[in-house]
């Protein structure tokens, strides 16, 4: 099974993806994480991506799709996978279907009010060492300013500052509108309210995943 997770910056998409991976054993595939790893390891794809990003250009669909293709080809006997950050366009959605034709899919969007999003993003901190994300309202670190995972220093990313947030949300909504319509027409789109606690949102997501897995005769997780 394939789960495609949508959600604007600050919706808790990354946290929910981690919970889904743990509950179901699905492989979480984050295109952002894949790109950072390729760049760090200086692979041929990483060098291409770095050359584009260093000139302020977006990484091409070709590079992102190849990263996803390679990761899907190495599922290590996982029952399925979860995509975070891909697809972003209808072209990428169709390429994904070409890469992995027969696998059933479900698309879940975490919907959340703009005011709540703005507040969350302004309270978000990222680990300078391992990239773990915290939120001073929802998921505080045990020790102020320090990552629970690796002990690295926490900081606020430039793109989480108020002047940048509105533009990030505008781009997300512009990208997602056509994709949402595409998946609605395929009857695989579901939406959950992301305004509650992490556990509340996860229970809503579990309901949809379990319902889809029941159709496929797969083992479900408890909510």
Protein backbone atom coordinates (compact mmCIF):
# COMPACT_ATOMS: atom_id res chain seq x y z
CA UNK A 1 0.00 0.00 0.00
CA UNK A 2 1.09 3.56 -0.72
CA UNK A 3 0.17 6.49 1.54
CA UNK A 4 0.63 10.02 0.21
CA UNK A 5 0.58 12.58 3.00
CA UNK A 6 -0.29 16.20 2.25
CA UNK A 7 -0.07 19.05 4.69
CA UNK A 8 1.10 22.66 4.70
CA UNK A 9 4.19 23.73 6.66
CA UNK A 10 3.35 23.47 10.36
CA UNK A 11 0.55 20.93 9.94
CA UNK A 12 2.47 18.20 11.78
CA UNK A 13 2.91 16.12 8.63
CA UNK A 14 6.41 14.96 9.56
CA UNK A 15 5.36 13.88 13.05
CA UNK A 16 2.33 12.00 11.70
CA UNK A 17 4.52 10.33 9.09
CA UNK A 18 6.81 9.03 11.83
CA UNK A 19 3.82 7.67 13.78
CA UNK A 20 2.43 5.93 10.68
CA UNK A 21 5.81 4.34 9.97
CA UNK A 22 6.05 3.04 13.53
CA UNK A 23 2.46 1.75 13.70
CA UNK A 24 2.31 0.02 10.33
CA UNK A 25 5.90 -0.75 9.41
CA UNK A 26 5.64 1.30 6.22
CA UNK A 27 8.81 2.92 4.93
CA UNK A 28 8.68 6.70 5.29
CA UNK A 29 10.11 8.37 2.19
CA UNK A 30 10.78 12.09 2.61
CA UNK A 31 12.13 13.69 -0.54
CA UNK A 32 13.71 16.46 1.53
CA UNK A 33 15.61 13.90 3.61
CA UNK A 34 16.63 11.97 0.50
CA UNK A 35 17.98 15.10 -1.18
CA UNK A 36 19.94 16.18 1.89
CA UNK A 37 21.50 12.72 2.16
CA UNK A 38 22.49 12.65 -1.51
CA UNK A 39 24.05 16.10 -1.25
CA UNK A 40 25.90 15.19 1.96
CA UNK A 41 27.22 11.95 0.42
CA UNK A 42 28.21 13.78 -2.80
CA UNK A 43 26.55 11.20 -5.02
CA UNK A 44 26.08 11.99 -8.73
CA UNK A 45 22.42 12.91 -8.09
CA UNK A 46 23.45 14.91 -5.04
CA UNK A 47 25.97 16.91 -7.06
CA UNK A 48 23.32 17.72 -9.69
CA UNK A 49 20.89 18.82 -6.97
CA UNK A 50 23.52 20.91 -5.20
CA UNK A 51 24.45 22.69 -8.44
CA UNK A 52 20.82 23.70 -8.96
CA UNK A 53 20.19 24.74 -5.35
CA UNK A 54 23.38 26.78 -5.14
CA UNK A 55 22.02 28.94 -7.96
CA UNK A 56 18.65 29.35 -6.29
CA UNK A 57 16.90 26.93 -8.67
CA UNK A 58 14.39 24.21 -7.83
CA UNK A 59 15.58 20.63 -8.05
CA UNK A 60 14.20 19.14 -11.26
CA UNK A 61 11.39 16.57 -11.35
CA UNK A 62 13.84 14.19 -13.02
CA UNK A 63 16.17 14.18 -10.01
CA UNK A 64 13.42 13.91 -7.41
CA UNK A 65 11.65 11.13 -9.31
CA UNK A 66 14.88 9.15 -9.62
CA UNK A 67 15.46 9.40 -5.87
CA UNK A 68 11.94 8.15 -5.21
CA UNK A 69 12.34 5.37 -7.78
CA UNK A 70 15.54 4.14 -6.12
CA UNK A 71 14.00 4.16 -2.66
CA UNK A 72 10.84 2.33 -3.73
CA UNK A 73 13.01 -0.33 -5.36
CA UNK A 74 14.55 -1.05 -1.94
CA UNK A 75 11.59 -1.47 0.41
CA UNK A 76 13.34 -4.24 2.37
CA UNK A 77 10.16 -6.34 2.58
CA UNK A 78 8.14 -3.50 4.07
CA UNK A 79 4.35 -3.82 3.61
CA UNK A 80 4.22 -0.45 1.88
CA UNK A 81 5.52 3.09 2.02
CA UNK A 82 4.58 6.62 2.96
CA UNK A 83 5.50 9.63 0.82
CA UNK A 84 6.16 13.02 2.43
CA UNK A 85 6.87 15.88 0.02
CA UNK A 86 6.10 13.94 -3.14
CA UNK A 87 4.31 14.25 -5.47
CA UNK A 88 4.01 18.04 -5.72
CA UNK A 89 2.64 18.20 -9.27
CA UNK A 90 0.26 16.16 -11.40
CA UNK A 91 3.25 15.24 -13.58
CA UNK A 92 5.00 13.77 -10.56
CA UNK A 93 1.81 11.96 -9.54
CA UNK A 94 1.60 10.30 -12.94
CA UNK A 95 5.31 9.42 -12.85
CA UNK A 96 4.77 7.77 -9.46
CA UNK A 97 2.00 5.65 -10.94
CA UNK A 98 4.38 4.60 -13.71
CA UNK A 99 7.09 3.72 -11.19
CA UNK A 100 4.77 1.56 -9.08
CA UNK A 101 1.66 0.75 -11.11
CA UNK A 102 -0.24 -1.90 -9.18
CA UNK A 103 0.06 -0.72 -5.59
CA UNK A 104 -3.19 0.64 -4.04
CA UNK A 105 -2.88 4.14 -2.66
CA UNK A 106 -4.58 6.55 -0.28
CA UNK A 107 -4.00 10.30 -0.12
CA UNK A 108 -4.49 11.99 3.26
CA UNK A 109 -4.39 15.76 3.68
CA UNK A 110 -3.99 17.35 7.10
CA UNK A 111 -6.20 20.43 6.94
CA UNK A 112 -5.60 23.24 9.39
CA UNK A 113 -6.69 26.85 9.92
CA UNK A 114 -4.31 29.57 8.70
CA UNK A 115 -4.19 31.32 12.08
CA UNK A 116 -3.21 28.08 13.84
CA UNK A 117 -0.56 27.39 11.20
CA UNK A 118 1.01 30.82 11.57
CA UNK A 119 1.22 30.39 15.34
CA UNK A 120 2.70 26.89 15.06
CA UNK A 121 5.38 27.87 12.58
CA UNK A 122 6.48 30.80 14.70
CA UNK A 123 6.89 28.38 17.62
CA UNK A 124 8.80 25.74 15.63
CA UNK A 125 12.46 24.93 16.33
CA UNK A 126 14.82 22.67 14.37
CA UNK A 127 17.91 20.81 15.56
CA UNK A 128 21.07 22.19 13.99
CA UNK A 129 22.69 18.75 14.08
CA UNK A 130 20.13 16.06 13.18
CA UNK A 131 17.20 18.10 11.80
CA UNK A 132 14.63 16.95 14.40
CA UNK A 133 11.69 19.33 14.71
CA UNK A 134 10.04 20.62 17.90
CA UNK A 135 7.14 22.94 18.63
CA UNK A 136 6.97 25.01 21.79
CA UNK A 137 3.19 24.54 21.89
CA UNK A 138 2.81 20.87 20.90
CA UNK A 139 6.12 19.04 21.26
CA UNK A 140 8.60 20.80 23.53
CA UNK A 141 12.14 19.48 24.00
CA UNK A 142 12.83 18.05 27.46
CA UNK A 143 15.59 20.64 27.95
CA UNK A 144 15.11 24.14 26.61
CA UNK A 145 17.14 24.83 23.47
CA UNK A 146 18.52 21.28 23.24
CA UNK A 147 17.52 18.38 20.97
CA UNK A 148 16.22 15.27 22.78
CA UNK A 149 17.62 13.00 20.06
CA UNK A 150 21.23 14.11 19.69
CA UNK A 151 21.81 17.02 22.08
CA UNK A 152 22.25 19.53 19.25
CA UNK A 153 21.30 23.20 19.57
CA UNK A 154 17.81 24.20 18.45
CA UNK A 155 17.19 27.21 16.22
CA UNK A 156 14.42 28.87 14.23
CA UNK A 157 14.79 28.38 10.48
CA UNK A 158 14.72 31.46 8.29
CA UNK A 159 11.69 30.12 6.43
CA UNK A 160 9.78 29.78 9.74
CA UNK A 161 9.96 33.50 10.41
CA UNK A 162 6.77 35.56 9.98
CA UNK A 163 7.86 37.37 6.82
CA UNK A 164 8.37 34.11 4.93
CA UNK A 165 5.49 31.97 6.25
CA UNK A 166 2.71 33.56 4.19
CA UNK A 167 4.60 32.98 0.93
CA UNK A 168 5.31 29.35 1.84
CA UNK A 169 1.61 28.76 2.49
CA UNK A 170 0.66 30.49 -0.76
CA UNK A 171 3.00 28.21 -2.74
CA UNK A 172 1.70 25.12 -0.93
CA UNK A 173 -1.93 25.97 -1.68
CA UNK A 174 -1.11 26.74 -5.31
CA UNK A 175 0.68 23.42 -5.75
CA UNK A 176 -1.85 21.34 -3.87
CA UNK A 177 -5.06 22.63 -5.43
CA UNK A 178 -4.61 20.75 -8.73
CA UNK A 179 -3.23 17.64 -7.03
CA UNK A 180 -6.15 17.57 -4.62
CA UNK A 181 -8.58 17.68 -7.53
CA UNK A 182 -6.61 14.96 -9.34
CA UNK A 183 -6.79 12.56 -6.40
CA UNK A 184 -10.40 13.41 -5.63
CA UNK A 185 -11.29 12.32 -9.16
CA UNK A 186 -9.44 9.05 -8.48
CA UNK A 187 -11.54 8.64 -5.29
CA UNK A 188 -8.45 8.10 -3.11
CA UNK A 189 -8.39 11.50 -1.35
CA UNK A 190 -9.23 11.88 2.35
CA UNK A 191 -9.01 14.93 4.64
CA UNK A 192 -8.48 15.12 8.40
CA UNK A 193 -8.74 18.10 10.73
CA UNK A 194 -5.23 18.87 11.97
CA UNK A 195 -6.20 21.31 14.74
CA UNK A 196 -6.21 18.78 17.60
CA UNK A 197 -3.39 17.15 19.53
CA UNK A 198 -0.87 14.87 17.83
CA UNK A 199 -2.72 11.81 19.15
CA UNK A 200 -6.13 13.13 18.05
CA UNK A 201 -4.93 13.73 14.50
CA UNK A 202 -3.23 10.34 14.39
CA UNK A 203 -6.44 8.56 15.41
CA UNK A 204 -8.25 10.22 12.51
CA UNK A 205 -5.53 9.17 10.07
CA UNK A 206 -5.54 5.60 11.43
CA UNK A 207 -9.28 5.37 10.76
CA UNK A 208 -8.78 6.06 7.05
CA UNK A 209 -5.71 3.84 6.69
CA UNK A 210 -7.39 0.93 8.46
CA UNK A 211 -10.49 1.26 6.30
CA UNK A 212 -8.37 1.14 3.15
CA UNK A 213 -6.28 -1.77 4.40
CA UNK A 214 -9.44 -3.69 5.23
CA UNK A 215 -10.47 -3.37 1.58
CA UNK A 216 -7.11 -4.85 0.58
CA UNK A 217 -7.27 -7.63 3.18
CA UNK A 218 -4.20 -6.29 5.01
CA UNK A 219 -3.54 -6.28 8.76
CA UNK A 220 -4.61 -3.07 10.46
CA UNK A 221 -3.09 -1.08 13.31
CA UNK A 222 -5.00 0.01 16.40
CA UNK A 223 -5.81 3.68 16.79
